Amino acid sequence: MPNIKSATKRMELSRKWAEANRRKRSRLRTAIKRVRTASSTEEGREFLRQATVLIDRAAGKRLMHPKKADRIKSRLSKHVESLG
């Protein structure tokens, strides 16, 4: 345990942000899984729209690299179009 007050505060804030990032990442992964398990193109497009918003937000906040976000969106949209 830290002895200095500012170090204690940093430790608490770090724990808080890590927990928030964990929640965001979990929500993001769930959205991506929904797109991949969609049964029809229409359902897939709806889930893709929701996932795209979360992916863009995660990339903007550097929860993931922006190029990785683009790659995931591209692969998901390709998958949805192949459902036909």
PDB file of N, CA and C in Angstrom:
ATOM      1  N   MET A   1       0.837  -1.191   0.000  1.00  0.00           N
ATOM      2  CA  MET A   1       0.000   0.000   0.000  1.00  0.00           C
ATOM      3  C   MET A   1       0.875   1.245   0.000  1.00  0.00           C
ATOM      4  N   PRO A   2       0.471   2.245  -0.766  1.00  0.00           N
ATOM      5  CA  PRO A   2       1.251   3.490  -0.809  1.00  0.00           C
ATOM      6  C   PRO A   2       1.118   4.275   0.494  1.00  0.00           C
ATOM      7  N   ASN A   3       2.170   4.978   0.822  1.00  0.00           N
ATOM      8  CA  ASN A   3       2.174   5.812   2.021  1.00  0.00           C
ATOM      9  C   ASN A   3       1.774   7.247   1.704  1.00  0.00           C
ATOM     10  N   ILE A   4       1.934   7.638   0.465  1.00  0.00           N
ATOM     11  CA  ILE A   4       1.689   9.019   0.068  1.00  0.00           C
ATOM     12  C   ILE A   4       0.251   9.145  -0.432  1.00  0.00           C
ATOM     13  N   LYS A   5      -0.398  10.232  -0.039  1.00  0.00           N
ATOM     14  CA  LYS A   5      -1.809  10.438  -0.360  1.00  0.00           C
ATOM     15  C   LYS A   5      -2.061  10.460  -1.869  1.00  0.00           C
ATOM     16  N   SER A   6      -1.200  11.125  -2.623  1.00  0.00           N
ATOM     17  CA  SER A   6      -1.393  11.216  -4.079  1.00  0.00           C
ATOM     18  C   SER A   6      -1.234   9.837  -4.739  1.00  0.00           C
ATOM     19  N   ALA A   7      -0.335   9.021  -4.197  1.00  0.00           N
ATOM     20  CA  ALA A   7      -0.139   7.679  -4.743  1.00  0.00           C
ATOM     21  C   ALA A   7      -1.367   6.806  -4.467  1.00  0.00           C
ATOM     22  N   THR A   8      -1.972   6.991  -3.302  1.00  0.00           N
ATOM     23  CA  THR A   8      -3.195   6.266  -2.970  1.00  0.00           C
ATOM     24  C   THR A   8      -4.318   6.658  -3.925  1.00  0.00           C
ATOM     25  N   LYS A   9      -4.413   7.957  -4.203  1.00  0.00           N
ATOM     26  CA  LYS A   9      -5.440   8.451  -5.116  1.00  0.00           C
ATOM     27  C   LYS A   9      -5.223   7.889  -6.520  1.00  0.00           C
ATOM     28  N   ARG A  10      -3.977   7.909  -7.002  1.00  0.00           N
ATOM     29  CA  ARG A  10      -3.666   7.376  -8.331  1.00  0.00           C
ATOM     30  C   ARG A  10      -4.036   5.898  -8.413  1.00  0.00           C
ATOM     31  N   MET A  11      -3.738   5.163  -7.353  1.00  0.00           N
ATOM     32  CA  MET A  11      -4.032   3.736  -7.338  1.00  0.00           C
ATOM     33  C   MET A  11      -5.548   3.508  -7.452  1.00  0.00           C
ATOM     34  N   GLU A  12      -6.318   4.289  -6.715  1.00  0.00           N
ATOM     35  CA  GLU A  12      -7.771   4.167  -6.762  1.00  0.00           C
ATOM     36  C   GLU A  12      -8.320   4.545  -8.134  1.00  0.00           C
ATOM     37  N   LEU A  13      -7.818   5.637  -8.711  1.00  0.00           N
ATOM     38  CA  LEU A  13      -8.264   6.049 -10.036  1.00  0.00           C
ATOM     39  C   LEU A  13      -7.888   5.028 -11.096  1.00  0.00           C
ATOM     40  N   SER A  14      -6.705   4.467 -10.970  1.00  0.00           N
ATOM     41  CA  SER A  14      -6.251   3.462 -11.927  1.00  0.00           C
ATOM     42  C   SER A  14      -7.169   2.245 -11.890  1.00  0.00           C
ATOM     43  N   ARG A  15      -7.554   1.836 -10.692  1.00  0.00           N
ATOM     44  CA  ARG A  15      -8.464   0.704 -10.540  1.00  0.00           C
ATOM     45  C   ARG A  15      -9.826   1.023 -11.161  1.00  0.00           C
ATOM     46  N   LYS A  16     -10.289   2.244 -10.938  1.00  0.00           N
ATOM     47  CA  LYS A  16     -11.584   2.678 -11.462  1.00  0.00           C
ATOM     48  C   LYS A  16     -11.596   2.682 -12.989  1.00  0.00           C
ATOM     49  N   TRP A  17     -10.530   3.229 -13.602  1.00  0.00           N
ATOM     50  CA  TRP A  17     -10.458   3.279 -15.067  1.00  0.00           C
ATOM     51  C   TRP A  17     -10.295   1.890 -15.665  1.00  0.00           C
ATOM     52  N   ALA A  18      -9.520   1.036 -14.995  1.00  0.00           N
ATOM     53  CA  ALA A  18      -9.331  -0.332 -15.490  1.00  0.00           C
ATOM     54  C   ALA A  18     -10.659  -1.076 -15.505  1.00  0.00           C
ATOM     55  N   GLU A  19     -11.461  -0.867 -14.467  1.00  0.00           N
ATOM     56  CA  GLU A  19     -12.766  -1.511 -14.391  1.00  0.00           C
ATOM     57  C   GLU A  19     -13.696  -0.992 -15.491  1.00  0.00           C
ATOM     58  N   ALA A  20     -13.656   0.316 -15.734  1.00  0.00           N
ATOM     59  CA  ALA A  20     -14.490   0.909 -16.790  1.00  0.00           C
ATOM     60  C   ALA A  20     -14.071   0.383 -18.159  1.00  0.00           C
ATOM     61  N   ASN A  21     -12.758   0.295 -18.386  1.00  0.00           N
ATOM     62  CA  ASN A  21     -12.256  -0.225 -19.662  1.00  0.00           C
ATOM     63  C   ASN A  21     -12.661  -1.683 -19.852  1.00  0.00           C
ATOM     64  N   ARG A  22     -12.661  -2.445 -18.764  1.00  0.00           N
ATOM     65  CA  ARG A  22     -13.055  -3.846 -18.838  1.00  0.00           C
ATOM     66  C   ARG A  22     -14.522  -3.963 -19.256  1.00  0.00           C
ATOM     67  N   ARG A  23     -15.382  -3.111 -18.676  1.00  0.00           N
ATOM     68  CA  ARG A  23     -16.796  -3.120 -19.045  1.00  0.00           C
ATOM     69  C   ARG A  23     -16.988  -2.761 -20.511  1.00  0.00           C
ATOM     70  N   LYS A  24     -16.279  -1.723 -20.973  1.00  0.00           N
ATOM     71  CA  LYS A  24     -16.408  -1.273 -22.364  1.00  0.00           C
ATOM     72  C   LYS A  24     -15.927  -2.353 -23.329  1.00  0.00           C
ATOM     73  N   ARG A  25     -14.802  -2.989 -23.004  1.00  0.00           N
ATOM     74  CA  ARG A  25     -14.250  -4.024 -23.868  1.00  0.00           C
ATOM     75  C   ARG A  25     -15.181  -5.234 -23.934  1.00  0.00           C
ATOM     76  N   SER A  26     -15.781  -5.576 -22.813  1.00  0.00           N
ATOM     77  CA  SER A  26     -16.710  -6.696 -22.773  1.00  0.00           C
ATOM     78  C   SER A  26     -17.934  -6.408 -23.629  1.00  0.00           C
ATOM     79  N   ARG A  27     -18.460  -5.201 -23.528  1.00  0.00           N
ATOM     80  CA  ARG A  27     -19.628  -4.805 -24.322  1.00  0.00           C
ATOM     81  C   ARG A  27     -19.289  -4.832 -25.820  1.00  0.00           C
ATOM     82  N   LEU A  28     -18.091  -4.405 -26.138  1.00  0.00           N
ATOM     83  CA  LEU A  28     -17.627  -4.385 -27.521  1.00  0.00           C
ATOM     84  C   LEU A  28     -17.525  -5.806 -28.080  1.00  0.00           C
ATOM     85  N   ARG A  29     -16.927  -6.698 -27.318  1.00  0.00           N
ATOM     86  CA  ARG A  29     -16.772  -8.082 -27.763  1.00  0.00           C
ATOM     87  C   ARG A  29     -18.120  -8.756 -27.966  1.00  0.00           C
ATOM     88  N   THR A  30     -19.073  -8.460 -27.071  1.00  0.00           N
ATOM     89  CA  THR A  30     -20.408  -9.028 -27.195  1.00  0.00           C
ATOM     90  C   THR A  30     -21.066  -8.553 -28.483  1.00  0.00           C
ATOM     91  N   ALA A  31     -20.921  -7.267 -28.794  1.00  0.00           N
ATOM     92  CA  ALA A  31     -21.513  -6.715 -30.019  1.00  0.00           C
ATOM     93  C   ALA A  31     -20.912  -7.382 -31.253  1.00  0.00           C
ATOM     94  N   ILE A  32     -19.618  -7.617 -31.239  1.00  0.00           N
ATOM     95  CA  ILE A  32     -18.946  -8.263 -32.372  1.00  0.00           C
ATOM     96  C   ILE A  32     -19.437  -9.709 -32.521  1.00  0.00           C
ATOM     97  N   LYS A  33     -19.608 -10.412 -31.404  1.00  0.00           N
ATOM     98  CA  LYS A  33     -20.099 -11.792 -31.449  1.00  0.00           C
ATOM     99  C   LYS A  33     -21.512 -11.858 -32.006  1.00  0.00           C
ATOM    100  N   ARG A  34     -22.341 -10.861 -31.667  1.00  0.00           N
ATOM    101  CA  ARG A  34     -23.706 -10.832 -32.196  1.00  0.00           C
ATOM    102  C   ARG A  34     -23.706 -10.743 -33.714  1.00  0.00           C
ATOM    103  N   VAL A  35     -22.799  -9.930 -34.251  1.00  0.00           N
ATOM    104  CA  VAL A  35     -22.718  -9.801 -35.710  1.00  0.00           C
ATOM    105  C   VAL A  35     -22.295 -11.128 -36.317  1.00  0.00           C
ATOM    106  N   ARG A  36     -21.314 -11.769 -35.724  1.00  0.00           N
ATOM    107  CA  ARG A  36     -20.797 -13.017 -36.283  1.00  0.00           C
ATOM    108  C   ARG A  36     -21.797 -14.162 -36.207  1.00  0.00           C
ATOM    109  N   THR A  37     -22.713 -14.113 -35.229  1.00  0.00           N
ATOM    110  CA  THR A  37     -23.681 -15.203 -35.075  1.00  0.00           C
ATOM    111  C   THR A  37     -25.048 -14.867 -35.659  1.00  0.00           C
ATOM    112  N   ALA A  38     -25.145 -13.761 -36.371  1.00  0.00           N
ATOM    113  CA  ALA A  38     -26.419 -13.377 -36.977  1.00  0.00           C
ATOM    114  C   ALA A  38     -26.830 -14.424 -38.018  1.00  0.00           C
ATOM    115  N   SER A  39     -28.129 -14.676 -38.079  1.00  0.00           N
ATOM    116  CA  SER A  39     -28.613 -15.722 -38.981  1.00  0.00           C
ATOM    117  C   SER A  39     -29.007 -15.194 -40.355  1.00  0.00           C
ATOM    118  N   SER A  40     -29.368 -13.912 -40.425  1.00  0.00           N
ATOM    119  CA  SER A  40     -29.774 -13.358 -41.719  1.00  0.00           C
ATOM    120  C   SER A  40     -29.015 -12.060 -41.998  1.00  0.00           C
ATOM    121  N   THR A  41     -29.035 -11.640 -43.236  1.00  0.00           N
ATOM    122  CA  THR A  41     -28.350 -10.407 -43.624  1.00  0.00           C
ATOM    123  C   THR A  41     -28.963  -9.196 -42.928  1.00  0.00           C
ATOM    124  N   GLU A  42     -30.287  -9.179 -42.842  1.00  0.00           N
ATOM    125  CA  GLU A  42     -30.969  -8.033 -42.205  1.00  0.00           C
ATOM    126  C   GLU A  42     -30.595  -7.932 -40.730  1.00  0.00           C
ATOM    127  N   GLU A  43     -30.632  -9.058 -40.048  1.00  0.00           N
ATOM    128  CA  GLU A  43     -30.257  -9.088 -38.633  1.00  0.00           C
ATOM    129  C   GLU A  43     -28.790  -8.682 -38.478  1.00  0.00           C
ATOM    130  N   GLY A  44     -27.956  -9.193 -39.359  1.00  0.00           N
ATOM    131  CA  GLY A  44     -26.536  -8.870 -39.329  1.00  0.00           C
ATOM    132  C   GLY A  44     -26.271  -7.391 -39.535  1.00  0.00           C
ATOM    133  N   ARG A  45     -27.005  -6.775 -40.457  1.00  0.00           N
ATOM    134  CA  ARG A  45     -26.816  -5.343 -40.709  1.00  0.00           C
ATOM    135  C   ARG A  45     -27.175  -4.508 -39.491  1.00  0.00           C
ATOM    136  N   GLU A  46     -28.244  -4.896 -38.807  1.00  0.00           N
ATOM    137  CA  GLU A  46     -28.656  -4.158 -37.605  1.00  0.00           C
ATOM    138  C   GLU A  46     -27.598  -4.285 -36.507  1.00  0.00           C
ATOM    139  N   PHE A  47     -27.131  -5.513 -36.291  1.00  0.00           N
ATOM    140  CA  PHE A  47     -26.088  -5.726 -35.283  1.00  0.00           C
ATOM    141  C   PHE A  47     -24.784  -5.041 -35.691  1.00  0.00           C
ATOM    142  N   LEU A  48     -24.494  -5.024 -36.988  1.00  0.00           N
ATOM    143  CA  LEU A  48     -23.283  -4.361 -37.483  1.00  0.00           C
ATOM    144  C   LEU A  48     -23.337  -2.862 -37.209  1.00  0.00           C
ATOM    145  N   ARG A  49     -24.507  -2.266 -37.403  1.00  0.00           N
ATOM    146  CA  ARG A  49     -24.658  -0.837 -37.149  1.00  0.00           C
ATOM    147  C   ARG A  49     -24.374  -0.528 -35.675  1.00  0.00           C
ATOM    148  N   GLN A  50     -24.910  -1.359 -34.780  1.00  0.00           N
ATOM    149  CA  GLN A  50     -24.679  -1.159 -33.346  1.00  0.00           C
ATOM    150  C   GLN A  50     -23.211  -1.378 -32.988  1.00  0.00           C
ATOM    151  N   ALA A  51     -22.602  -2.402 -33.563  1.00  0.00           N
ATOM    152  CA  ALA A  51     -21.204  -2.713 -33.269  1.00  0.00           C
ATOM    153  C   ALA A  51     -20.270  -1.629 -33.795  1.00  0.00           C
ATOM    154  N   THR A  52     -20.598  -1.072 -34.964  1.00  0.00           N
ATOM    155  CA  THR A  52     -19.756  -0.038 -35.564  1.00  0.00           C
ATOM    156  C   THR A  52     -19.648   1.180 -34.648  1.00  0.00           C
ATOM    157  N   VAL A  53     -20.760   1.550 -34.041  1.00  0.00           N
ATOM    158  CA  VAL A  53     -20.749   2.684 -33.109  1.00  0.00           C
ATOM    159  C   VAL A  53     -19.795   2.404 -31.946  1.00  0.00           C
ATOM    160  N   LEU A  54     -19.897   1.210 -31.367  1.00  0.00           N
ATOM    161  CA  LEU A  54     -19.037   0.859 -30.236  1.00  0.00           C
ATOM    162  C   LEU A  54     -17.571   0.761 -30.648  1.00  0.00           C
ATOM    163  N   ILE A  55     -17.325   0.222 -31.832  1.00  0.00           N
ATOM    164  CA  ILE A  55     -15.942   0.080 -32.311  1.00  0.00           C
ATOM    165  C   ILE A  55     -15.318   1.456 -32.533  1.00  0.00           C
ATOM    166  N   ASP A  56     -16.063   2.360 -33.175  1.00  0.00           N
ATOM    167  CA  ASP A  56     -15.544   3.712 -33.406  1.00  0.00           C
ATOM    168  C   ASP A  56     -15.272   4.443 -32.100  1.00  0.00           C
ATOM    169  N   ARG A  57     -16.162   4.269 -31.145  1.00  0.00           N
ATOM    170  CA  ARG A  57     -15.981   4.920 -29.845  1.00  0.00           C
ATOM    171  C   ARG A  57     -14.735   4.367 -29.140  1.00  0.00           C
ATOM    172  N   ALA A  58     -14.553   3.053 -29.211  1.00  0.00           N
ATOM    173  CA  ALA A  58     -13.389   2.425 -28.576  1.00  0.00           C
ATOM    174  C   ALA A  58     -12.093   2.899 -29.232  1.00  0.00           C
ATOM    175  N   ALA A  59     -12.103   3.051 -30.554  1.00  0.00           N
ATOM    176  CA  ALA A  59     -10.909   3.515 -31.263  1.00  0.00           C
ATOM    177  C   ALA A  59     -10.625   4.974 -30.922  1.00  0.00           C
ATOM    178  N   GLY A  60     -11.666   5.775 -30.796  1.00  0.00           N
ATOM    179  CA  GLY A  60     -11.487   7.183 -30.462  1.00  0.00           C
ATOM    180  C   GLY A  60     -10.915   7.385 -29.080  1.00  0.00           C
ATOM    181  N   LYS A  61     -11.241   6.473 -28.168  1.00  0.00           N
ATOM    182  CA  LYS A  61     -10.733   6.573 -26.795  1.00  0.00           C
ATOM    183  C   LYS A  61      -9.485   5.720 -26.593  1.00  0.00           C
ATOM    184  N   ARG A  62      -8.945   5.191 -27.703  1.00  0.00           N
ATOM    185  CA  ARG A  62      -7.720   4.380 -27.692  1.00  0.00           C
ATOM    186  C   ARG A  62      -7.858   3.108 -26.855  1.00  0.00           C
ATOM    187  N   LEU A  63      -9.079   2.598 -26.774  1.00  0.00           N
ATOM    188  CA  LEU A  63      -9.274   1.311 -26.134  1.00  0.00           C
ATOM    189  C   LEU A  63      -8.726   0.214 -27.055  1.00  0.00           C
ATOM    190  N   MET A  64      -8.707   0.538 -28.352  1.00  0.00           N
ATOM    191  CA  MET A  64      -8.064  -0.313 -29.353  1.00  0.00           C
ATOM    192  C   MET A  64      -7.452   0.607 -30.401  1.00  0.00           C
ATOM    193  N   HIS A  65      -6.518   0.092 -31.148  1.00  0.00           N
ATOM    194  CA  HIS A  65      -5.856   0.891 -32.178  1.00  0.00           C
ATOM    195  C   HIS A  65      -6.856   1.210 -33.296  1.00  0.00           C
ATOM    196  N   PRO A  66      -6.835   2.434 -33.805  1.00  0.00           N
ATOM    197  CA  PRO A  66      -7.785   2.811 -34.862  1.00  0.00           C
ATOM    198  C   PRO A  66      -7.716   1.922 -36.106  1.00  0.00           C
ATOM    199  N   LYS A  67      -6.529   1.475 -36.474  1.00  0.00           N
ATOM    200  CA  LYS A  67      -6.425   0.606 -37.655  1.00  0.00           C
ATOM    201  C   LYS A  67      -7.016  -0.770 -37.376  1.00  0.00           C
ATOM    202  N   LYS A  68      -6.899  -1.229 -36.149  1.00  0.00           N
ATOM    203  CA  LYS A  68      -7.524  -2.498 -35.777  1.00  0.00           C
ATOM    204  C   LYS A  68      -9.038  -2.353 -35.849  1.00  0.00           C
ATOM    205  N   ALA A  69      -9.540  -1.217 -35.416  1.00  0.00           N
ATOM    206  CA  ALA A  69     -10.982  -0.961 -35.484  1.00  0.00           C
ATOM    207  C   ALA A  69     -11.462  -1.002 -36.928  1.00  0.00           C
ATOM    208  N   ASP A  70     -10.723  -0.360 -37.828  1.00  0.00           N
ATOM    209  CA  ASP A  70     -11.082  -0.368 -39.244  1.00  0.00           C
ATOM    210  C   ASP A  70     -11.069  -1.783 -39.805  1.00  0.00           C
ATOM    211  N   ARG A  71     -10.076  -2.563 -39.424  1.00  0.00           N
ATOM    212  CA  ARG A  71      -9.950  -3.934 -39.912  1.00  0.00           C
ATOM    213  C   ARG A  71     -11.134  -4.789 -39.439  1.00  0.00           C
ATOM    214  N   ILE A  72     -11.512  -4.630 -38.169  1.00  0.00           N
ATOM    215  CA  ILE A  72     -12.637  -5.389 -37.630  1.00  0.00           C
ATOM    216  C   ILE A  72     -13.929  -5.011 -38.346  1.00  0.00           C
ATOM    217  N   LYS A  73     -14.160  -3.706 -38.534  1.00  0.00           N
ATOM    218  CA  LYS A  73     -15.375  -3.254 -39.218  1.00  0.00           C
ATOM    219  C   LYS A  73     -15.439  -3.795 -40.642  1.00  0.00           C
ATOM    220  N   SER A  74     -14.296  -3.784 -41.323  1.00  0.00           N
ATOM    221  CA  SER A  74     -14.248  -4.277 -42.689  1.00  0.00           C
ATOM    222  C   SER A  74     -14.584  -5.761 -42.744  1.00  0.00           C
ATOM    223  N   ARG A  75     -14.004  -6.533 -41.864  1.00  0.00           N
ATOM    224  CA  ARG A  75     -14.239  -7.974 -41.861  1.00  0.00           C
ATOM    225  C   ARG A  75     -15.679  -8.307 -41.476  1.00  0.00           C
ATOM    226  N   LEU A  76     -16.221  -7.541 -40.528  1.00  0.00           N
ATOM    227  CA  LEU A  76     -17.607  -7.785 -40.116  1.00  0.00           C
ATOM    228  C   LEU A  76     -18.584  -7.467 -41.254  1.00  0.00           C
ATOM    229  N   SER A  77     -18.349  -6.351 -41.955  1.00  0.00           N
ATOM    230  CA  SER A  77     -19.258  -5.990 -43.039  1.00  0.00           C
ATOM    231  C   SER A  77     -19.171  -7.006 -44.163  1.00  0.00           C
ATOM    232  N   LYS A  78     -17.971  -7.509 -44.443  1.00  0.00           N
ATOM    233  CA  LYS A  78     -17.791  -8.541 -45.458  1.00  0.00           C
ATOM    234  C   LYS A  78     -18.551  -9.811 -45.049  1.00  0.00           C
ATOM    235  N   HIS A  79     -18.483 -10.140 -43.771  1.00  0.00           N
ATOM    236  CA  HIS A  79     -19.185 -11.316 -43.259  1.00  0.00           C
ATOM    237  C   HIS A  79     -20.700 -11.159 -43.405  1.00  0.00           C
ATOM    238  N   VAL A  80     -21.206  -9.987 -43.048  1.00  0.00           N
ATOM    239  CA  VAL A  80     -22.658  -9.745 -43.126  1.00  0.00           C
ATOM    240  C   VAL A  80     -23.157  -9.865 -44.546  1.00  0.00           C
ATOM    241  N   GLU A  81     -22.404  -9.330 -45.500  1.00  0.00           N
ATOM    242  CA  GLU A  81     -22.819  -9.391 -46.899  1.00  0.00           C
ATOM    243  C   GLU A  81     -22.779 -10.809 -47.451  1.00  0.00           C
ATOM    244  N   SER A  82     -21.946 -11.660 -46.846  1.00  0.00           N
ATOM    245  CA  SER A  82     -21.869 -13.046 -47.321  1.00  0.00           C
ATOM    246  C   SER A  82     -22.977 -13.932 -46.751  1.00  0.00           C
ATOM    247  N   LEU A  83     -23.745 -13.405 -45.794  1.00  0.00           N
ATOM    248  CA  LEU A  83     -24.803 -14.215 -45.185  1.00  0.00           C
ATOM    249  C   LEU A  83     -25.895 -14.563 -46.177  1.00  0.00           C
ATOM    250  N   GLY A  84     -26.299 -13.585 -46.977  1.00  0.00           N
ATOM    251  CA  GLY A  84     -27.289 -13.745 -48.030  1.00  0.00           C
ATOM    252  C   GLY A  84     -28.287 -14.770 -47.782  1.00  0.00           C
TER     253      GLY A  84
END
